[in-house]
Amino acid sequence: GTGKTNAPLTARTRVGGGWNTYTELVSAGDLNS
């Protein structure tokens, strides 16, 4: 995220492959503090 309305996101960067093994992904916050 950039915080800018006219360009809110940067170009993408690859995290990795194999994520289609999951049925659901959820942003969970900071679970372990």
PDB file of all heavy atoms in Angstrom:
ATOM      1  N   GLY A   1       0.825  -1.198   0.000  1.00  0.00           N
ATOM      2  CA  GLY A   1       0.000   0.000   0.000  1.00  0.00           C
ATOM      3  C   GLY A   1       0.861   1.250   0.000  1.00  0.00           C
ATOM      4  O   GLY A   1       1.933   1.274   0.617  1.00  0.00           O
ATOM      5  N   THR A   2       0.379   2.292  -0.678  1.00  0.00           N
ATOM      6  CA  THR A   2       1.131   3.546  -0.748  1.00  0.00           C
ATOM      7  C   THR A   2       0.510   4.656   0.087  1.00  0.00           C
ATOM      8  O   THR A   2       1.175   5.633   0.393  1.00  0.00           O
ATOM      9  CB  THR A   2       1.213   4.049  -2.201  1.00  0.00           C
ATOM     10  OG1 THR A   2      -0.115   4.377  -2.642  1.00  0.00           O
ATOM     11  CG2 THR A   2       1.850   3.016  -3.116  1.00  0.00           C
ATOM     12  N   GLY A   3      -0.778   4.523   0.403  1.00  0.00           N
ATOM     13  CA  GLY A   3      -1.485   5.592   1.101  1.00  0.00           C
ATOM     14  C   GLY A   3      -1.982   6.681   0.167  1.00  0.00           C
ATOM     15  O   GLY A   3      -2.549   7.669   0.613  1.00  0.00           O
ATOM     16  N   LYS A   4      -1.784   6.526  -1.146  1.00  0.00           N
ATOM     17  CA  LYS A   4      -2.190   7.520  -2.135  1.00  0.00           C
ATOM     18  C   LYS A   4      -3.448   7.059  -2.865  1.00  0.00           C
ATOM     19  O   LYS A   4      -3.508   5.932  -3.349  1.00  0.00           O
ATOM     20  CB  LYS A   4      -1.079   7.744  -3.159  1.00  0.00           C
ATOM     21  CG  LYS A   4       0.213   8.232  -2.546  1.00  0.00           C
ATOM     22  CD  LYS A   4       1.300   8.287  -3.589  1.00  0.00           C
ATOM     23  CE  LYS A   4       2.630   8.643  -2.944  1.00  0.00           C
ATOM     24  NZ  LYS A   4       3.746   8.541  -3.907  1.00  0.00           N
ATOM     25  N   THR A   5      -4.423   7.932  -2.970  1.00  0.00           N
ATOM     26  CA  THR A   5      -5.676   7.578  -3.627  1.00  0.00           C
ATOM     27  C   THR A   5      -5.494   7.286  -5.106  1.00  0.00           C
ATOM     28  O   THR A   5      -6.067   6.346  -5.636  1.00  0.00           O
ATOM     29  CB  THR A   5      -6.708   8.714  -3.468  1.00  0.00           C
ATOM     30  OG1 THR A   5      -6.870   8.980  -2.074  1.00  0.00           O
ATOM     31  CG2 THR A   5      -8.045   8.363  -4.067  1.00  0.00           C
ATOM     32  N   ASN A   6      -4.681   8.077  -5.791  1.00  0.00           N
ATOM     33  CA  ASN A   6      -4.541   7.912  -7.233  1.00  0.00           C
ATOM     34  C   ASN A   6      -3.657   6.729  -7.625  1.00  0.00           C
ATOM     35  O   ASN A   6      -3.697   6.276  -8.756  1.00  0.00           O
ATOM     36  CB  ASN A   6      -4.016   9.190  -7.876  1.00  0.00           C
ATOM     37  CG  ASN A   6      -2.650   9.587  -7.348  1.00  0.00           C
ATOM     38  OD1 ASN A   6      -2.232   9.136  -6.283  1.00  0.00           O
ATOM     39  ND2 ASN A   6      -1.957  10.435  -8.080  1.00  0.00           N
ATOM     40  N   ALA A   7      -2.846   6.225  -6.715  1.00  0.00           N
ATOM     41  CA  ALA A   7      -1.994   5.047  -6.953  1.00  0.00           C
ATOM     42  C   ALA A   7      -1.835   4.313  -5.621  1.00  0.00           C
ATOM     43  O   ALA A   7      -0.790   4.388  -4.983  1.00  0.00           O
ATOM     44  CB  ALA A   7      -0.647   5.464  -7.520  1.00  0.00           C
ATOM     45  N   PRO A   8      -2.883   3.599  -5.182  1.00  0.00           N
ATOM     46  CA  PRO A   8      -2.880   3.030  -3.836  1.00  0.00           C
ATOM     47  C   PRO A   8      -1.957   1.835  -3.622  1.00  0.00           C
ATOM     48  O   PRO A   8      -1.680   1.477  -2.480  1.00  0.00           O
ATOM     49  CB  PRO A   8      -4.333   2.632  -3.608  1.00  0.00           C
ATOM     50  CG  PRO A   8      -4.884   2.418  -4.975  1.00  0.00           C
ATOM     51  CD  PRO A   8      -4.152   3.374  -5.869  1.00  0.00           C
ATOM     52  N   LEU A   9      -1.476   1.221  -4.708  1.00  0.00           N
ATOM     53  CA  LEU A   9      -0.652   0.023  -4.580  1.00  0.00           C
ATOM     54  C   LEU A   9       0.594   0.136  -5.450  1.00  0.00           C
ATOM     55  O   LEU A   9       0.561   0.706  -6.537  1.00  0.00           O
ATOM     56  CB  LEU A   9      -1.444  -1.220  -5.011  1.00  0.00           C
ATOM     57  CG  LEU A   9      -2.735  -1.500  -4.251  1.00  0.00           C
ATOM     58  CD1 LEU A   9      -3.535  -2.578  -4.949  1.00  0.00           C
ATOM     59  CD2 LEU A   9      -2.446  -1.874  -2.814  1.00  0.00           C
ATOM     60  N   THR A  10       1.692  -0.462  -4.969  1.00  0.00           N
ATOM     61  CA  THR A  10       2.904  -0.551  -5.770  1.00  0.00           C
ATOM     62  C   THR A  10       2.773  -1.704  -6.753  1.00  0.00           C
ATOM     63  O   THR A  10       1.810  -2.472  -6.704  1.00  0.00           O
ATOM     64  CB  THR A  10       4.136  -0.806  -4.885  1.00  0.00           C
ATOM     65  OG1 THR A  10       3.987  -2.090  -4.248  1.00  0.00           O
ATOM     66  CG2 THR A  10       4.317   0.280  -3.836  1.00  0.00           C
ATOM     67  N   ALA A  11       3.756  -1.859  -7.604  1.00  0.00           N
ATOM     68  CA  ALA A  11       3.813  -3.038  -8.464  1.00  0.00           C
ATOM     69  C   ALA A  11       3.926  -4.277  -7.579  1.00  0.00           C
ATOM     70  O   ALA A  11       4.487  -4.219  -6.479  1.00  0.00           O
ATOM     71  CB  ALA A  11       4.999  -2.941  -9.419  1.00  0.00           C
ATOM     72  N   ARG A  12       3.436  -5.370  -8.043  1.00  0.00           N
ATOM     73  CA  ARG A  12       3.418  -6.589  -7.241  1.00  0.00           C
ATOM     74  C   ARG A  12       4.815  -7.190  -7.104  1.00  0.00           C
ATOM     75  O   ARG A  12       5.666  -7.045  -7.982  1.00  0.00           O
ATOM     76  CB  ARG A  12       2.455  -7.613  -7.833  1.00  0.00           C
ATOM     77  CG  ARG A  12       2.913  -8.182  -9.161  1.00  0.00           C
ATOM     78  CD  ARG A  12       1.875  -9.102  -9.755  1.00  0.00           C
ATOM     79  NE  ARG A  12       2.418  -9.799 -10.925  1.00  0.00           N
ATOM     80  CZ  ARG A  12       1.762 -10.718 -11.601  1.00  0.00           C
ATOM     81  NH1 ARG A  12       0.538 -11.053 -11.240  1.00  0.00           N
ATOM     82  NH2 ARG A  12       2.318 -11.311 -12.627  1.00  0.00           N
ATOM     83  N   THR A  13       5.000  -7.912  -5.980  1.00  0.00           N
ATOM     84  CA  THR A  13       6.208  -8.713  -5.781  1.00  0.00           C
ATOM     85  C   THR A  13       5.765 -10.125  -5.439  1.00  0.00           C
ATOM     86  O   THR A  13       4.776 -10.339  -4.739  1.00  0.00           O
ATOM     87  CB  THR A  13       7.117  -8.160  -4.660  1.00  0.00           C
ATOM     88  OG1 THR A  13       6.362  -8.067  -3.447  1.00  0.00           O
ATOM     89  CG2 THR A  13       7.661  -6.794  -5.019  1.00  0.00           C
ATOM     90  N   ARG A  14       6.503 -11.092  -5.933  1.00  0.00           N
ATOM     91  CA  ARG A  14       6.147 -12.504  -5.758  1.00  0.00           C
ATOM     92  C   ARG A  14       6.501 -12.966  -4.354  1.00  0.00           C
ATOM     93  O   ARG A  14       7.637 -12.824  -3.907  1.00  0.00           O
ATOM     94  CB  ARG A  14       6.896 -13.338  -6.785  1.00  0.00           C
ATOM     95  CG  ARG A  14       6.460 -14.782  -6.873  1.00  0.00           C
ATOM     96  CD  ARG A  14       7.251 -15.494  -7.988  1.00  0.00           C
ATOM     97  NE  ARG A  14       6.651 -16.721  -8.408  1.00  0.00           N
ATOM     98  CZ  ARG A  14       6.910 -17.903  -7.846  1.00  0.00           C
ATOM     99  NH1 ARG A  14       7.766 -18.000  -6.863  1.00  0.00           N
ATOM    100  NH2 ARG A  14       6.320 -18.990  -8.302  1.00  0.00           N
ATOM    101  N   VAL A  15       5.521 -13.525  -3.651  1.00  0.00           N
ATOM    102  CA  VAL A  15       5.750 -14.120  -2.333  1.00  0.00           C
ATOM    103  C   VAL A  15       6.200 -15.561  -2.500  1.00  0.00           C
ATOM    104  O   VAL A  15       7.139 -16.010  -1.862  1.00  0.00           O
ATOM    105  CB  VAL A  15       4.487 -14.032  -1.451  1.00  0.00           C
ATOM    106  CG1 VAL A  15       4.679 -14.765  -0.141  1.00  0.00           C
ATOM    107  CG2 VAL A  15       4.115 -12.573  -1.210  1.00  0.00           C
ATOM    108  N   GLY A  16       5.522 -16.320  -3.368  1.00  0.00           N
ATOM    109  CA  GLY A  16       5.885 -17.711  -3.596  1.00  0.00           C
ATOM    110  C   GLY A  16       4.766 -18.484  -4.249  1.00  0.00           C
ATOM    111  O   GLY A  16       3.648 -17.999  -4.384  1.00  0.00           O
ATOM    112  N   GLY A  17       5.058 -19.711  -4.631  1.00  0.00           N
ATOM    113  CA  GLY A  17       4.089 -20.575  -5.282  1.00  0.00           C
ATOM    114  C   GLY A  17       3.504 -21.600  -4.326  1.00  0.00           C
ATOM    115  O   GLY A  17       3.896 -21.690  -3.158  1.00  0.00           O
ATOM    116  N   GLY A  18       2.543 -22.361  -4.821  1.00  0.00           N
ATOM    117  CA  GLY A  18       1.936 -23.436  -4.046  1.00  0.00           C
ATOM    118  C   GLY A  18       0.787 -23.008  -3.156  1.00  0.00           C
ATOM    119  O   GLY A  18       0.275 -23.811  -2.373  1.00  0.00           O
ATOM    120  N   TRP A  19       0.345 -21.773  -3.269  1.00  0.00           N
ATOM    121  CA  TRP A  19      -0.710 -21.266  -2.384  1.00  0.00           C
ATOM    122  C   TRP A  19      -2.102 -21.731  -2.800  1.00  0.00           C
ATOM    123  O   TRP A  19      -3.068 -21.518  -2.064  1.00  0.00           O
ATOM    124  CB  TRP A  19      -0.633 -19.741  -2.314  1.00  0.00           C
ATOM    125  CG  TRP A  19       0.560 -19.282  -1.540  1.00  0.00           C
ATOM    126  CD1 TRP A  19       1.830 -19.131  -2.017  1.00  0.00           C
ATOM    127  CD2 TRP A  19       0.612 -18.968  -0.160  1.00  0.00           C
ATOM    128  NE1 TRP A  19       2.671 -18.733  -1.011  1.00  0.00           N
ATOM    129  CE2 TRP A  19       1.948 -18.620   0.149  1.00  0.00           C
ATOM    130  CE3 TRP A  19      -0.332 -18.940   0.865  1.00  0.00           C
ATOM    131  CZ2 TRP A  19       2.350 -18.243   1.418  1.00  0.00           C
ATOM    132  CZ3 TRP A  19       0.070 -18.555   2.133  1.00  0.00           C
ATOM    133  CH2 TRP A  19       1.387 -18.219   2.397  1.00  0.00           C
ATOM    134  N   ASN A  20      -2.230 -22.412  -3.947  1.00  0.00           N
ATOM    135  CA  ASN A  20      -3.538 -22.930  -4.333  1.00  0.00           C
ATOM    136  C   ASN A  20      -3.903 -24.187  -3.554  1.00  0.00           C
ATOM    137  O   ASN A  20      -4.989 -24.718  -3.703  1.00  0.00           O
ATOM    138  CB  ASN A  20      -3.620 -23.170  -5.843  1.00  0.00           C
ATOM    139  CG  ASN A  20      -2.486 -24.018  -6.373  1.00  0.00           C
ATOM    140  OD1 ASN A  20      -1.551 -24.343  -5.643  1.00  0.00           O
ATOM    141  ND2 ASN A  20      -2.540 -24.364  -7.639  1.00  0.00           N
ATOM    142  N   THR A  21      -3.029 -24.646  -2.691  1.00  0.00           N
ATOM    143  CA  THR A  21      -3.351 -25.754  -1.795  1.00  0.00           C
ATOM    144  C   THR A  21      -4.352 -25.328  -0.713  1.00  0.00           C
ATOM    145  O   THR A  21      -4.963 -26.178  -0.075  1.00  0.00           O
ATOM    146  CB  THR A  21      -2.065 -26.327  -1.153  1.00  0.00           C
ATOM    147  OG1 THR A  21      -2.389 -27.507  -0.439  1.00  0.00           O
ATOM    148  CG2 THR A  21      -1.432 -25.351  -0.191  1.00  0.00           C
ATOM    149  N   TYR A  22      -4.507 -24.021  -0.563  1.00  0.00           N
ATOM    150  CA  TYR A  22      -5.397 -23.506   0.488  1.00  0.00           C
ATOM    151  C   TYR A  22      -6.768 -23.150  -0.055  1.00  0.00           C
ATOM    152  O   TYR A  22      -6.894 -22.596  -1.143  1.00  0.00           O
ATOM    153  CB  TYR A  22      -4.773 -22.285   1.163  1.00  0.00           C
ATOM    154  CG  TYR A  22      -3.464 -22.610   1.827  1.00  0.00           C
ATOM    155  CD1 TYR A  22      -2.279 -22.056   1.382  1.00  0.00           C
ATOM    156  CD2 TYR A  22      -3.414 -23.508   2.884  1.00  0.00           C
ATOM    157  CE1 TYR A  22      -1.070 -22.370   1.978  1.00  0.00           C
ATOM    158  CE2 TYR A  22      -2.211 -23.834   3.484  1.00  0.00           C
ATOM    159  CZ  TYR A  22      -1.043 -23.262   3.027  1.00  0.00           C
ATOM    160  OH  TYR A  22       0.151 -23.584   3.611  1.00  0.00           O
ATOM    161  N   THR A  23      -7.779 -23.456   0.743  1.00  0.00           N
ATOM    162  CA  THR A  23      -9.148 -23.110   0.385  1.00  0.00           C
ATOM    163  C   THR A  23      -9.489 -21.695   0.816  1.00  0.00           C
ATOM    164  O   THR A  23     -10.402 -21.088   0.267  1.00  0.00           O
ATOM    165  CB  THR A  23     -10.147 -24.091   1.018  1.00  0.00           C
ATOM    166  OG1 THR A  23      -9.947 -24.109   2.434  1.00  0.00           O
ATOM    167  CG2 THR A  23      -9.956 -25.488   0.461  1.00  0.00           C
ATOM    168  N   GLU A  24      -8.772 -21.180   1.809  1.00  0.00           N
ATOM    169  CA  GLU A  24      -9.038 -19.822   2.287  1.00  0.00           C
ATOM    170  C   GLU A  24      -7.787 -19.231   2.929  1.00  0.00           C
ATOM    171  O   GLU A  24      -7.032 -19.929   3.606  1.00  0.00           O
ATOM    172  CB  GLU A  24     -10.184 -19.835   3.295  1.00  0.00           C
ATOM    173  CG  GLU A  24     -10.750 -18.482   3.563  1.00  0.00           C
ATOM    174  CD  GLU A  24     -12.157 -18.527   4.132  1.00  0.00           C
ATOM    175  OE1 GLU A  24     -12.693 -19.605   4.391  1.00  0.00           O
ATOM    176  OE2 GLU A  24     -12.706 -17.438   4.322  1.00  0.00           O
ATOM    177  N   LEU A  25      -7.596 -17.943   2.705  1.00  0.00           N
ATOM    178  CA  LEU A  25      -6.513 -17.170   3.307  1.00  0.00           C
ATOM    179  C   LEU A  25      -7.131 -15.989   4.043  1.00  0.00           C
ATOM    180  O   LEU A  25      -8.047 -15.352   3.516  1.00  0.00           O
ATOM    181  CB  LEU A  25      -5.556 -16.640   2.237  1.00  0.00           C
ATOM    182  CG  LEU A  25      -4.908 -17.660   1.311  1.00  0.00           C
ATOM    183  CD1 LEU A  25      -4.177 -16.940   0.170  1.00  0.00           C
ATOM    184  CD2 LEU A  25      -3.948 -18.536   2.088  1.00  0.00           C
ATOM    185  N   VAL A  26      -6.619 -15.695   5.238  1.00  0.00           N
ATOM    186  CA  VAL A  26      -7.171 -14.595   6.031  1.00  0.00           C
ATOM    187  C   VAL A  26      -6.050 -13.817   6.687  1.00  0.00           C
ATOM    188  O   VAL A  26      -5.166 -14.402   7.336  1.00  0.00           O
ATOM    189  CB  VAL A  26      -8.140 -15.129   7.121  1.00  0.00           C
ATOM    190  CG1 VAL A  26      -8.577 -14.015   8.050  1.00  0.00           C
ATOM    191  CG2 VAL A  26      -9.341 -15.785   6.487  1.00  0.00           C
ATOM    192  N   SER A  27      -6.105 -12.507   6.529  1.00  0.00           N
ATOM    193  CA  SER A  27      -5.206 -11.624   7.254  1.00  0.00           C
ATOM    194  C   SER A  27      -5.638 -11.649   8.716  1.00  0.00           C
ATOM    195  O   SER A  27      -6.793 -11.369   9.028  1.00  0.00           O
ATOM    196  CB  SER A  27      -5.306 -10.212   6.687  1.00  0.00           C
ATOM    197  OG  SER A  27      -4.483  -9.340   7.394  1.00  0.00           O
ATOM    198  N   ALA A  28      -4.736 -12.015   9.604  1.00  0.00           N
ATOM    199  CA  ALA A  28      -5.118 -12.308  10.985  1.00  0.00           C
ATOM    200  C   ALA A  28      -4.665 -11.271  11.998  1.00  0.00           C
ATOM    201  O   ALA A  28      -4.869 -11.455  13.189  1.00  0.00           O
ATOM    202  CB  ALA A  28      -4.552 -13.675  11.379  1.00  0.00           C
ATOM    203  N   GLY A  29      -4.032 -10.188  11.570  1.00  0.00           N
ATOM    204  CA  GLY A  29      -3.477  -9.243  12.537  1.00  0.00           C
ATOM    205  C   GLY A  29      -2.218  -9.841  13.146  1.00  0.00           C
ATOM    206  O   GLY A  29      -1.659 -10.810  12.650  1.00  0.00           O
ATOM    207  N   ASP A  30      -1.790  -9.280  14.245  1.00  0.00           N
ATOM    208  CA  ASP A  30      -0.576  -9.739  14.924  1.00  0.00           C
ATOM    209  C   ASP A  30      -0.957 -10.728  16.021  1.00  0.00           C
ATOM    210  O   ASP A  30      -1.083 -10.368  17.184  1.00  0.00           O
ATOM    211  CB  ASP A  30       0.172  -8.530  15.495  1.00  0.00           C
ATOM    212  CG  ASP A  30       1.498  -8.890  16.119  1.00  0.00           C
ATOM    213  OD1 ASP A  30       1.916 -10.061  16.032  1.00  0.00           O
ATOM    214  OD2 ASP A  30       2.118  -7.997  16.726  1.00  0.00           O
ATOM    215  N   LEU A  31      -1.136 -11.974  15.657  1.00  0.00           N
ATOM    216  CA  LEU A  31      -1.626 -12.981  16.606  1.00  0.00           C
ATOM    217  C   LEU A  31      -0.652 -13.302  17.732  1.00  0.00           C
ATOM    218  O   LEU A  31      -1.065 -13.678  18.825  1.00  0.00           O
ATOM    219  CB  LEU A  31      -1.977 -14.278  15.866  1.00  0.00           C
ATOM    220  CG  LEU A  31      -3.186 -14.201  14.956  1.00  0.00           C
ATOM    221  CD1 LEU A  31      -3.376 -15.518  14.219  1.00  0.00           C
ATOM    222  CD2 LEU A  31      -4.436 -13.854  15.749  1.00  0.00           C
ATOM    223  N   ASN A  32       0.643 -13.201  17.485  1.00  0.00           N
ATOM    224  CA  ASN A  32       1.616 -13.586  18.513  1.00  0.00           C
ATOM    225  C   ASN A  32       2.356 -12.388  19.115  1.00  0.00           C
ATOM    226  O   ASN A  32       3.361 -12.560  19.799  1.00  0.00           O
ATOM    227  CB  ASN A  32       2.617 -14.590  17.937  1.00  0.00           C
ATOM    228  CG  ASN A  32       3.364 -14.048  16.740  1.00  0.00           C
ATOM    229  OD1 ASN A  32       3.090 -12.960  16.272  1.00  0.00           O
ATOM    230  ND2 ASN A  32       4.304 -14.816  16.247  1.00  0.00           N
ATOM    231  N   SER A  33       1.849 -11.196  18.876  1.00  0.00           N
ATOM    232  CA  SER A  33       2.366  -9.966  19.504  1.00  0.00           C
ATOM    233  C   SER A  33       3.851  -9.732  19.264  1.00  0.00           C
ATOM    234  O   SER A  33       4.556  -9.234  20.133  1.00  0.00           O
ATOM    235  CB  SER A  33       2.076  -9.980  21.017  1.00  0.00           C
ATOM    236  OG  SER A  33       0.700 -10.079  21.262  1.00  0.00           O
TER     237      SER A  33
END
